[in-house]
C-alpha atoms as a PDB file:
ATOM      1  CA  MET A   1       0.165 -11.425  -8.897  1.00  0.00           C
ATOM      2  CA  PRO A   2      -0.839  -9.563  -6.603  1.00  0.00           C
ATOM      3  CA  HIS A   3       1.211  -6.341  -6.568  1.00  0.00           C
ATOM      4  CA  ILE A   4      -0.129  -4.068  -3.844  1.00  0.00           C
ATOM      5  CA  SER A   5       0.424  -0.774  -3.286  1.00  0.00           C
ATOM      6  CA  ILE A   6       0.597   1.932  -0.235  1.00  0.00           C
ATOM      7  CA  LYS A   7       0.050   4.783  -0.308  1.00  0.00           C
ATOM      8  CA  MET A   8       0.986   8.003   2.134  1.00  0.00           C
ATOM      9  CA  TYR A   9       1.357  11.167   3.222  1.00  0.00           C
ATOM     10  CA  PRO A  10       4.708  11.389   2.759  1.00  0.00           C
ATOM     11  CA  GLY A  11       7.786  11.812   5.286  1.00  0.00           C
ATOM     12  CA  ARG A  12       9.143   7.660   6.219  1.00  0.00           C
ATOM     13  CA  THR A  13      12.902   7.629   5.135  1.00  0.00           C
ATOM     14  CA  GLU A  14      13.639   4.892   3.352  1.00  0.00           C
ATOM     15  CA  GLU A  15      14.165   2.384   5.553  1.00  0.00           C
ATOM     16  CA  VAL A  16      11.247   2.349   7.097  1.00  0.00           C
ATOM     17  CA  LYS A  17       9.445   2.711   3.344  1.00  0.00           C
ATOM     18  CA  LYS A  18      11.059  -0.323   2.222  1.00  0.00           C
ATOM     19  CA  GLU A  19      11.087  -2.040   5.769  1.00  0.00           C
ATOM     20  CA  LEU A  20       6.925  -2.015   5.148  1.00  0.00           C
ATOM     21  CA  ALA A  21       6.888  -2.634   1.883  1.00  0.00           C
ATOM     22  CA  GLU A  22       9.212  -6.385   3.043  1.00  0.00           C
ATOM     23  CA  LYS A  23       7.185  -6.523   5.729  1.00  0.00           C
ATOM     24  CA  THR A  24       4.096  -6.641   3.519  1.00  0.00           C
ATOM     25  CA  LYS A  25       4.878  -9.049   1.157  1.00  0.00           C
ATOM     26  CA  ALA A  26       6.211 -11.477   3.746  1.00  0.00           C
ATOM     27  CA  PHE A  27       2.292 -10.766   5.405  1.00  0.00           C
ATOM     28  CA  ILE A  28       1.288 -12.336   2.118  1.00  0.00           C
ATOM     29  CA  MET A  29       3.584 -14.799   1.570  1.00  0.00           C
ATOM     30  CA  GLU A  30       2.621 -16.369   4.817  1.00  0.00           C
ATOM     31  CA  GLN A  31      -1.065 -15.179   3.786  1.00  0.00           C
ATOM     32  CA  MET A  32      -1.462 -16.419   0.663  1.00  0.00           C
ATOM     33  CA  ASN A  33       1.110 -19.424   1.155  1.00  0.00           C
ATOM     34  CA  MET A  34       2.673 -17.677  -2.389  1.00  0.00           C
ATOM     35  CA  GLU A  35       6.504 -17.939  -3.283  1.00  0.00           C
ATOM     36  CA  GLU A  36       8.095 -14.297  -2.765  1.00  0.00           C
ATOM     37  CA  LYS A  37       9.038 -14.108  -6.983  1.00  0.00           C
ATOM     38  CA  TYR A  38       5.843 -13.360  -7.579  1.00  0.00           C
ATOM     39  CA  ILE A  39       5.265 -10.949  -5.162  1.00  0.00           C
ATOM     40  CA  SER A  40       5.154  -6.631  -5.755  1.00  0.00           C
ATOM     41  CA  VAL A  41       4.857  -3.764  -3.207  1.00  0.00           C
ATOM     42  CA  SER A  42       5.204  -0.415  -4.505  1.00  0.00           C
ATOM     43  CA  VAL A  43       4.965   2.815  -1.887  1.00  0.00           C
ATOM     44  CA  GLU A  44       3.631   6.053  -2.875  1.00  0.00           C
ATOM     45  CA  GLU A  45       2.902   9.704  -1.675  1.00  0.00           C
ATOM     46  CA  TYR A  46       0.753  11.222  -1.649  1.00  0.00           C
ATOM     47  CA  GLU A  47       1.114  15.473  -0.387  1.00  0.00           C
ATOM     48  CA  LYS A  48      -2.753  15.879   2.362  1.00  0.00           C
ATOM     49  CA  GLU A  49      -4.395  18.678   0.535  1.00  0.00           C
ATOM     50  CA  ASN A  50      -3.976  16.617  -2.756  1.00  0.00           C
ATOM     51  CA  TRP A  51      -5.158  12.874  -1.654  1.00  0.00           C
ATOM     52  CA  LYS A  52      -8.747  13.702  -2.563  1.00  0.00           C
ATOM     53  CA  GLU A  53      -8.630  14.337  -5.306  1.00  0.00           C
ATOM     54  CA  GLU A  54      -5.469  11.720  -6.967  1.00  0.00           C
ATOM     55  CA  VAL A  55      -6.185   8.713  -4.147  1.00  0.00           C
ATOM     56  CA  ALA A  56      -9.591   9.007  -2.148  1.00  0.00           C
ATOM     57  CA  ASP A  57     -12.162  10.193  -5.221  1.00  0.00           C
ATOM     58  CA  LYS A  58     -10.765   7.148  -6.868  1.00  0.00           C
ATOM     59  CA  ILE A  59     -10.735   3.776  -4.877  1.00  0.00           C
ATOM     60  CA  ARG A  60     -14.165   1.999  -6.002  1.00  0.00           C
ATOM     61  CA  PRO A  61     -16.140   2.092  -3.098  1.00  0.00           C
ATOM     62  CA  GLU A  62     -16.735  -2.141  -3.620  1.00  0.00           C
ATOM     63  CA  ASP A  63     -12.857  -2.267  -3.802  1.00  0.00           C
ATOM     64  CA  LEU A  64     -12.388  -1.124   0.562  1.00  0.00           C
ATOM     65  CA  TYR A  65     -11.983  -3.707   3.103  1.00  0.00           C
ATOM     66  CA  VAL A  66     -11.001  -1.556   5.337  1.00  0.00           C
ATOM     67  CA  LYS A  67     -11.904   2.374   5.597  1.00  0.00           C
ATOM     68  CA  SER A  68     -10.330   5.717   6.899  1.00  0.00           C
ATOM     69  CA  ASN A  69     -12.272   7.131   9.260  1.00  0.00           C
ATOM     70  CA  PHE A  70     -10.418  10.550   9.386  1.00  0.00           C
END
């Protein structure tokens, strides 16, 4: 606890995704005063043409704290 799931379009290198996950973990550790062992981060890629159906439509409005505008 917690698990952070980052969903995005494909195209970033493994190095970029690993750095994003590590920086996200570090931020959560600091903000929540939490040990590293409790935090997991995944990065999932979705094709642009499938984004709405596979990602956007599954997000409950009450769970969305920052909304994109594209």
